[in-house]
Protein backbone atom coordinates (compact mmCIF):
# COMPACT_ATOMS: atom_id res chain seq x y z
CA MET A 1 9.91 16.60 19.65
CA GLY A 2 6.20 17.32 19.75
CA LEU A 3 3.63 15.18 17.79
CA ILE A 4 4.38 13.81 14.36
CA LEU A 5 1.81 14.07 11.77
CA SER A 6 1.82 11.23 9.43
CA LEU A 7 0.01 12.42 6.04
CA ASN A 8 -1.00 9.71 3.30
CA ALA A 9 -2.53 11.53 0.18
CA GLY A 10 -4.45 9.36 -2.47
CA SER A 11 -5.78 10.90 -5.54
CA SER A 12 -9.05 11.48 -3.91
CA SER A 13 -8.41 11.05 -0.17
CA LEU A 14 -6.19 12.43 2.54
CA LYS A 15 -5.64 10.00 5.45
CA PHE A 16 -3.71 11.30 8.53
CA ALA A 17 -2.54 10.39 12.01
CA ALA A 18 -0.79 11.90 14.81
CA TYR A 19 1.67 10.11 17.14
CA ARG A 20 3.55 10.93 20.38
CA MET A 21 6.92 9.18 19.96
CA ARG A 22 8.87 8.63 23.10
CA GLY A 23 11.88 6.42 22.67
CA ARG A 24 10.35 2.82 22.39
CA GLU A 25 6.72 4.32 23.39
CA GLU A 26 4.88 4.93 20.37
CA GLU A 27 1.19 6.36 20.82
CA ARG A 28 -1.44 7.20 18.02
CA VAL A 29 -3.14 10.14 19.60
CA PHE A 30 -5.42 10.78 16.54
CA SER A 31 -6.36 9.55 13.07
CA GLY A 32 -8.65 10.38 10.57
CA ALA A 33 -9.38 11.10 6.82
CA ALA A 34 -10.95 13.55 4.25
CA GLU A 35 -12.34 11.35 1.63
CA GLU A 36 -13.84 11.95 -1.87
CA ILE A 37 -12.10 15.02 -2.62
CA GLY A 38 -13.04 16.69 -5.59
CA GLY A 39 -16.27 14.84 -5.62
CA PRO A 40 -19.75 16.21 -5.09
CA GLN A 41 -20.25 14.84 -1.49
CA GLY A 42 -17.21 14.27 0.75
CA ARG A 43 -16.47 13.15 4.14
CA PHE A 44 -14.34 14.12 7.09
CA TRP A 45 -13.75 12.11 10.14
CA LEU A 46 -11.52 12.02 13.18
CA ARG A 47 -10.83 9.60 15.85
CA GLY A 48 -8.87 9.97 19.01
CA ALA A 49 -6.96 7.33 21.08
CA GLY A 50 -8.74 3.95 20.59
CA THR A 51 -12.04 4.16 18.78
CA ASN A 52 -13.33 7.49 20.42
CA ARG A 53 -14.80 9.34 17.42
CA LEU A 54 -14.29 13.12 17.77
CA ALA A 55 -15.93 14.16 14.31
CA ASP A 56 -17.74 12.45 11.56
CA ARG A 57 -19.56 14.82 9.07
CA LYS A 58 -20.16 15.29 5.38
CA GLN A 59 -18.03 18.10 3.94
CA ARG A 60 -17.13 18.76 0.33
CA PHE A 61 -13.41 19.40 -0.64
CA ALA A 62 -12.51 21.04 -3.80
CA ASP A 63 -8.92 19.95 -3.71
CA HIS A 64 -6.39 18.64 -1.35
CA LYS A 65 -5.34 21.99 -0.21
CA GLU A 66 -8.98 22.45 1.18
CA ALA A 67 -8.71 18.92 2.71
CA LEU A 68 -5.40 19.75 4.56
CA GLY A 69 -7.11 22.83 5.88
CA ALA A 70 -9.80 20.83 7.47
CA VAL A 71 -7.10 18.55 8.96
CA PHE A 72 -5.50 21.60 10.57
CA ALA A 73 -8.54 23.09 11.79
CA ALA A 74 -9.88 19.79 13.58
CA PHE A 75 -6.53 19.53 15.31
CA ALA A 76 -6.90 23.15 16.53
CA GLU A 77 -10.19 22.37 17.83
CA GLN A 78 -8.66 19.64 19.87
CA GLY A 79 -6.30 21.99 21.34
CA VAL A 80 -3.26 20.97 19.27
CA LYS A 81 -1.30 23.90 18.88
CA GLY A 82 1.67 22.52 16.69
CA PHE A 83 3.47 19.45 15.48
CA GLY A 84 7.16 18.68 15.96
CA ALA A 85 7.16 17.48 12.11
CA ALA A 86 5.30 16.16 9.24
CA GLY A 87 5.96 12.74 7.46
CA HIS A 88 4.43 11.94 3.98
CA ARG A 89 3.96 8.80 2.15
CA ILE A 90 5.31 9.19 -1.35
CA VAL A 91 4.30 6.40 -3.55
CA HIS A 92 7.43 6.49 -5.92
CA GLY A 93 11.06 7.35 -5.32
CA GLY A 94 12.21 6.38 -8.81
CA PRO A 95 15.54 6.19 -9.52
CA PHE A 96 16.54 8.98 -7.24
CA PHE A 97 15.54 8.03 -3.53
CA SER A 98 16.29 4.92 -1.79
CA ALA A 99 15.65 6.22 1.74
CA PRO A 100 13.32 8.80 3.53
CA GLN A 101 14.37 12.44 3.10
CA LYS A 102 14.09 15.59 4.60
CA VAL A 103 12.23 17.97 2.33
CA ASP A 104 14.45 20.88 0.88
CA ARG A 105 14.79 22.67 -2.50
CA GLU A 106 16.57 20.07 -4.17
CA VAL A 107 14.35 17.12 -2.79
CA ARG A 108 11.18 19.01 -3.98
CA LYS A 109 12.75 19.55 -7.38
CA ARG A 110 13.39 15.85 -7.68
CA LEU A 111 9.74 15.15 -6.66
CA GLU A 112 8.56 17.03 -9.69
CA GLN A 113 10.77 15.00 -11.93
CA LEU A 114 9.07 11.68 -10.62
CA ILE A 115 5.74 12.61 -11.75
CA PRO A 116 6.00 10.69 -14.96
CA PHE A 117 6.50 7.62 -13.00
CA ALA A 118 3.17 7.92 -11.08
CA PRO A 119 0.93 10.54 -12.72
CA LEU A 120 -2.17 9.40 -10.80
CA HIS A 121 -0.57 9.78 -7.29
CA LEU A 122 2.40 12.07 -7.29
CA PRO A 123 0.58 15.43 -8.03
CA SER A 124 -1.77 15.09 -5.11
CA GLU A 125 1.19 14.11 -2.72
CA ILE A 126 3.41 16.89 -3.84
CA ALA A 127 0.61 19.19 -3.45
CA ILE A 128 0.18 18.30 0.17
CA VAL A 129 3.84 18.65 0.74
CA ASP A 130 3.57 22.36 -0.59
CA GLU A 131 0.55 23.25 1.20
CA VAL A 132 2.15 22.24 4.49
CA ALA A 133 5.03 24.22 3.73
CA ARG A 134 2.91 27.32 2.80
CA ALA A 135 0.63 26.97 5.79
CA ARG A 136 3.17 25.72 8.47
CA PRO A 137 6.50 27.09 6.86
CA ASP A 138 8.68 26.24 10.16
CA LEU A 139 7.52 22.72 10.21
CA PRO A 140 10.06 20.27 9.01
CA GLN A 141 8.83 17.70 6.77
CA VAL A 142 10.06 14.21 5.71
CA VAL A 143 9.07 12.28 2.57
CA CYS A 144 9.06 8.46 2.82
CA PHE A 145 8.90 6.18 -0.14
CA ASP A 146 6.94 3.38 -0.92
CA THR A 147 9.63 1.97 -3.41
CA ALA A 148 12.48 2.32 -1.07
CA PHE A 149 12.10 -0.83 0.69
CA HIS A 150 12.50 -2.96 -2.70
CA ARG A 151 15.70 -1.19 -3.76
CA SER A 152 17.86 -3.90 -2.43
CA MET A 153 16.26 -6.71 -4.75
CA PRO A 154 18.81 -8.40 -7.01
CA GLU A 155 19.21 -6.94 -10.36
CA ILE A 156 17.63 -10.24 -12.10
CA ALA A 157 14.42 -9.61 -10.22
CA ARG A 158 14.50 -5.88 -11.16
CA ARG A 159 15.08 -5.90 -14.71
CA PHE A 160 12.56 -6.23 -17.55
CA ALA A 161 13.57 -7.89 -20.57
CA LEU A 162 13.83 -4.89 -22.35
CA PRO A 163 16.97 -3.00 -24.09
CA GLY A 164 19.46 -1.89 -21.75
CA LYS A 165 19.01 2.02 -22.31
CA LEU A 166 15.55 1.69 -20.85
CA TRP A 167 17.17 -0.01 -17.66
CA ASP A 168 19.56 3.23 -17.67
CA GLU A 169 16.59 5.38 -17.75
CA GLY A 170 14.96 3.97 -14.75
CA VAL A 171 12.48 1.56 -16.51
CA LEU A 172 12.67 -1.31 -14.03
CA ARG A 173 10.67 -2.95 -11.35
CA TYR A 174 10.28 -0.89 -8.30
CA GLY A 175 7.57 -2.47 -6.16
CA PHE A 176 5.35 -0.74 -3.79
CA HIS A 177 3.54 -1.22 -0.57
CA GLY A 178 7.15 -0.82 0.94
CA LEU A 179 6.13 1.03 4.12
CA SER A 180 3.65 -1.87 4.73
CA TYR A 181 6.10 -4.63 4.16
CA GLU A 182 8.93 -2.89 6.23
CA PHE A 183 6.36 -2.62 9.11
CA VAL A 184 5.55 -6.43 9.07
CA VAL A 185 9.10 -7.53 8.81
CA GLY A 186 10.01 -5.26 11.84
CA LYS A 187 7.11 -6.59 13.88
CA LEU A 188 7.76 -10.09 13.30
CA GLY A 189 11.61 -10.11 13.59
CA ARG A 190 13.00 -13.64 13.89
CA ASP A 191 9.35 -15.05 13.72
CA LEU A 192 9.33 -14.13 9.98
CA GLY A 193 11.66 -17.12 9.26
CA ARG A 194 14.43 -17.45 6.61
CA ARG A 195 12.03 -17.91 3.52
CA ALA A 196 8.74 -15.64 3.81
CA ILE A 197 6.01 -14.36 1.62
CA ILE A 198 3.91 -11.41 2.65
CA ALA A 199 0.66 -10.91 0.84
CA HIS A 200 -0.42 -7.15 0.99
CA LEU A 201 -4.10 -7.54 0.07
CA GLY A 202 -6.26 -4.52 -0.07
CA ASN A 203 -7.84 -2.42 -2.92
CA GLY A 204 -4.44 -2.18 -3.95
CA ALA A 205 -2.72 -5.69 -3.73
CA SER A 206 0.87 -6.91 -4.01
CA MET A 207 3.21 -9.60 -2.75
CA ALA A 208 6.72 -9.78 -1.72
CA ALA A 209 9.18 -12.74 -1.46
CA LEU A 210 11.96 -12.21 1.38
CA ARG A 211 15.03 -14.23 2.05
CA ASP A 212 16.24 -13.43 5.70
CA GLY A 213 14.13 -10.31 5.79
CA VAL A 214 15.47 -8.99 2.49
CA PRO A 215 13.40 -8.48 -0.73
CA ALA A 216 14.27 -11.08 -3.29
CA ASP A 217 11.32 -10.36 -5.66
CA THR A 218 7.93 -8.31 -5.72
CA SER A 219 4.72 -8.44 -7.84
CA MET A 220 4.29 -4.75 -8.83
CA GLY A 221 6.59 -3.24 -11.15
CA LEU A 222 7.24 0.23 -12.63
CA THR A 223 3.98 1.22 -11.54
CA PRO A 224 1.37 0.13 -8.99
CA THR A 225 -0.78 -1.35 -11.86
CA GLY A 226 1.30 -4.36 -12.33
CA GLY A 227 1.21 -7.75 -10.43
CA PHE A 228 -2.19 -9.70 -9.77
CA MET A 229 -5.50 -8.41 -10.20
CA MET A 230 -6.72 -5.76 -7.53
CA GLY A 231 -9.88 -3.76 -6.60
CA THR A 232 -9.98 -1.72 -9.98
CA ARG A 233 -6.37 -2.60 -11.43
CA SER A 234 -5.74 -5.02 -14.06
CA GLY A 235 -2.30 -6.41 -12.84
CA ASP A 236 -0.20 -7.96 -15.29
CA LEU A 237 -1.14 -8.19 -18.87
CA ASP A 238 0.26 -9.43 -22.32
CA PRO A 239 1.63 -6.30 -23.52
CA GLY A 240 -0.23 -7.16 -26.71
CA VAL A 241 -3.44 -6.32 -25.19
CA ILE A 242 -2.19 -2.47 -25.10
CA LEU A 243 -1.32 -2.65 -28.76
CA TYR A 244 -4.57 -4.08 -29.57
CA LEU A 245 -6.37 -1.42 -27.80
CA LEU A 246 -4.00 1.40 -29.45
CA ARG A 247 -4.81 0.03 -32.84
CA ARG A 248 -8.53 0.38 -32.07
CA GLY A 249 -7.82 4.05 -31.56
CA ALA A 250 -7.79 4.00 -27.67
CA SER A 251 -6.38 7.20 -26.10
CA LYS A 252 -3.72 7.40 -23.12
CA GLN A 253 -6.44 8.49 -20.96
CA GLN A 254 -8.75 5.79 -22.14
CA LEU A 255 -5.95 3.37 -21.28
CA GLU A 256 -5.23 4.80 -17.96
CA ASN A 257 -8.99 4.68 -16.88
CA LEU A 258 -9.38 0.95 -18.14
CA LEU A 259 -6.16 -0.37 -16.54
CA ASP A 260 -6.28 1.64 -13.12
CA HIS A 261 -10.11 2.32 -12.55
CA GLU A 262 -12.15 -0.09 -14.58
CA SER A 263 -10.50 -3.51 -14.32
CA GLY A 264 -9.74 -5.84 -11.54
CA LEU A 265 -12.48 -7.17 -9.29
CA LEU A 266 -14.77 -4.30 -10.57
CA GLY A 267 -14.00 -5.09 -14.19
CA VAL A 268 -14.47 -9.02 -13.91
CA SER A 269 -17.42 -8.88 -11.64
CA GLY A 270 -19.44 -5.97 -13.23
CA LEU A 271 -20.61 -5.03 -9.87
CA THR A 272 -18.15 -3.65 -7.37
CA SER A 273 -14.51 -3.66 -6.27
CA ASP A 274 -15.49 -4.29 -2.59
CA MET A 275 -14.21 -7.91 -1.65
CA ARG A 276 -16.79 -8.12 1.20
CA SER A 277 -19.77 -7.45 -1.16
CA LEU A 278 -18.49 -9.95 -3.76
CA ILE A 279 -18.27 -12.73 -1.41
CA GLU A 280 -21.88 -12.04 -0.08
CA ASN A 281 -22.92 -12.17 -3.70
CA ARG A 282 -21.10 -14.88 -5.12
CA ASP A 283 -23.70 -17.64 -4.76
CA ARG A 284 -26.26 -15.58 -6.79
CA HIS A 285 -23.99 -13.55 -9.20
CA PRO A 286 -21.57 -15.40 -11.66
CA GLY A 287 -19.47 -12.34 -12.06
CA ALA A 288 -18.79 -11.88 -8.39
CA ALA A 289 -18.01 -15.59 -7.98
CA SER A 290 -15.56 -15.23 -11.18
CA ALA A 291 -13.90 -12.31 -9.68
CA VAL A 292 -13.24 -13.71 -6.36
CA GLU A 293 -11.89 -16.89 -7.81
CA MET A 294 -9.79 -15.35 -10.06
CA PHE A 295 -8.21 -13.06 -7.48
CA CYS A 296 -7.64 -16.06 -5.18
CA TYR A 297 -5.92 -18.16 -8.20
CA GLN A 298 -3.77 -15.35 -9.14
CA ALA A 299 -2.56 -14.67 -5.47
CA ARG A 300 -2.05 -18.59 -5.20
CA LYS A 301 -0.07 -18.55 -8.53
CA PHE A 302 2.31 -15.82 -7.03
CA ILE A 303 2.78 -17.65 -3.98
CA GLY A 304 4.13 -20.78 -5.93
CA ALA A 305 6.24 -18.50 -8.03
CA TYR A 306 8.02 -16.91 -5.14
CA ALA A 307 8.22 -20.11 -3.23
CA ALA A 308 10.15 -21.40 -6.13
CA VAL A 309 12.36 -18.32 -5.99
CA LEU A 310 13.05 -18.73 -2.33
CA GLY A 311 13.52 -22.54 -2.69
CA GLY A 312 10.67 -23.25 0.01
CA LEU A 313 8.47 -21.51 2.33
CA ASP A 314 8.71 -21.11 6.08
CA THR A 315 6.29 -18.28 6.87
CA LEU A 316 3.28 -16.93 4.81
CA VAL A 317 1.94 -13.58 6.09
CA PHE A 318 -1.45 -11.89 5.20
CA THR A 319 -1.81 -8.23 5.80
CA ALA A 320 -3.93 -5.27 4.78
CA GLY A 321 -7.50 -4.88 4.55
CA ILE A 322 -8.61 -8.06 2.72
CA GLY A 323 -5.50 -10.06 4.15
CA GLU A 324 -6.46 -9.06 7.76
CA ARG A 325 -10.00 -9.28 7.64
CA SER A 326 -11.27 -11.88 4.88
CA SER A 327 -10.94 -15.48 6.17
CA GLU A 328 -12.67 -16.60 3.19
CA VAL A 329 -9.95 -15.23 0.95
CA ARG A 330 -7.13 -16.56 2.99
CA SER A 331 -8.73 -19.88 3.21
CA GLU A 332 -9.25 -19.93 -0.63
CA ILE A 333 -5.76 -18.82 -1.50
CA CYS A 334 -4.28 -21.56 0.97
CA ARG A 335 -6.18 -24.22 -0.48
CA GLY A 336 -3.93 -26.34 -2.70
CA LEU A 337 -0.82 -25.05 -1.31
CA ASP A 338 -0.40 -28.05 1.03
CA PHE A 339 2.75 -29.15 -1.20
CA LEU A 340 4.59 -26.10 0.44
CA GLY A 341 3.58 -26.99 3.89
CA VAL A 342 0.51 -24.78 4.12
CA ALA A 343 -2.27 -26.23 6.37
CA LEU A 344 -4.72 -23.94 7.67
CA ASP A 345 -6.59 -24.39 11.23
CA GLU A 346 -9.96 -23.06 9.89
CA SER A 347 -11.08 -22.07 13.29
CA ALA A 348 -8.24 -19.91 13.94
CA ASN A 349 -8.61 -18.44 10.57
CA ASP A 350 -12.14 -17.78 11.01
CA HIS A 351 -11.39 -15.89 14.37
CA HIS A 352 -8.53 -13.90 12.66
CA ALA A 353 -5.81 -15.21 14.90
CA GLU A 354 -2.23 -14.22 14.79
CA VAL A 355 -1.25 -17.74 13.64
CA ILE A 356 -3.70 -19.38 11.57
CA SER A 357 -1.81 -22.58 10.38
CA ARG A 358 -2.14 -25.95 12.08
CA ALA A 359 0.17 -26.88 14.89
CA GLY A 360 3.29 -28.74 13.38
CA SER A 361 2.89 -27.78 9.83
CA SER A 362 6.14 -26.73 8.23
CA CYS A 363 4.95 -23.44 6.92
CA THR A 364 3.73 -20.95 9.48
CA VAL A 365 0.63 -18.52 8.27
CA ARG A 366 0.12 -15.45 9.91
CA VAL A 367 -2.11 -12.49 10.10
CA VAL A 368 -0.49 -9.16 10.87
CA ALA A 369 -2.15 -5.77 11.01
CA THR A 370 -0.14 -3.23 9.14
CA ASP A 371 0.42 0.17 9.99
CA GLU A 372 1.92 2.30 7.24
CA ASP A 373 1.28 5.60 9.25
CA LEU A 374 3.30 4.36 12.15
CA MET A 375 6.14 3.77 9.80
CA ILE A 376 6.05 7.13 8.46
CA ALA A 377 6.18 8.54 11.90
CA ARG A 378 9.14 6.38 12.68
CA HIS A 379 11.25 7.52 9.84
CA THR A 380 10.30 11.12 10.22
CA GLU A 381 11.50 10.92 13.95
CA ARG A 382 14.67 9.19 12.76
CA VAL A 383 15.37 11.60 9.94
CA ILE A 384 14.62 14.85 12.00
CA GLY A 385 16.26 13.57 15.11
CA GLY A 386 19.60 12.77 12.93
CA ALA A 387 19.54 9.06 14.17
């Protein structure tokens, strides 16, 4: 099989990577992104193996179709004549999909039916699938669902306390960031321990509790808005807040903007959703201090709840942008978790070591760099290869 193209479409971005897969040898040959799609001033960048930067330019993209055209053009400039397959991250599999699927007419039809579950994400993701099919009609495609990892959670964790007819309609806790969790579980293997919590902390943040590597619970619910606070998303709310805002005359669009784009770190701080900037400003800006404190408090609270679900804690893993790079956030989250056997080695934490807990502590705390793109490539190879 030739290079596998991994595509990860966001509402205003298109991240991509190309992998050469040779059995257990997995090589990332290219990676890049088209950013600020639909905005007045976009950016396109492409890297080769390692940190070799091949392109970095301002480029405006009217839509995802134009962005994908730039991706194919950049690969052509690098002498890449074609791909063996393309894999896509799809945020929501709804009640239909519990495993990666090769795209055919029926799968494409089902994707359209899933849009009400994730109206912010799925239209752009489907647009990329369609454009690849138009531009490269002979290229096989695979869709990989972020919700699939959590499908084995017990019903008691997946149900909301709502009438059964809504459960039958698919209104339940799906969970997200599944490709990231799957990568971490596979990377750690037995080092994950029997009772583990993985904290995927980025602009979108979630947490998963695992028993023997199998999901027991997760923080996000029907949509990626639920759980603890994130960069611009509110996380869990008293449902009465929504009713209050509706009575005040808020529209669906206003609520969507509020909960997904104006809340979280941005809403509390009044400054930014960028954690690094908030930490830098917390000593001189009360809003920044409150946002960081709330984020760490809520993450710590979920760890305590999931330790109760698991009956204890053997391993705590931090991953994704904030989890991998912010020693301050990791330290603050872990503060007060000594009753669970969490004790950080602050020097190891400051140096972002793979293990940041003190020697001899009963809970091992780890930092793992996730790789959702590689997970997409692996699934794509398996599906297309028939494994």
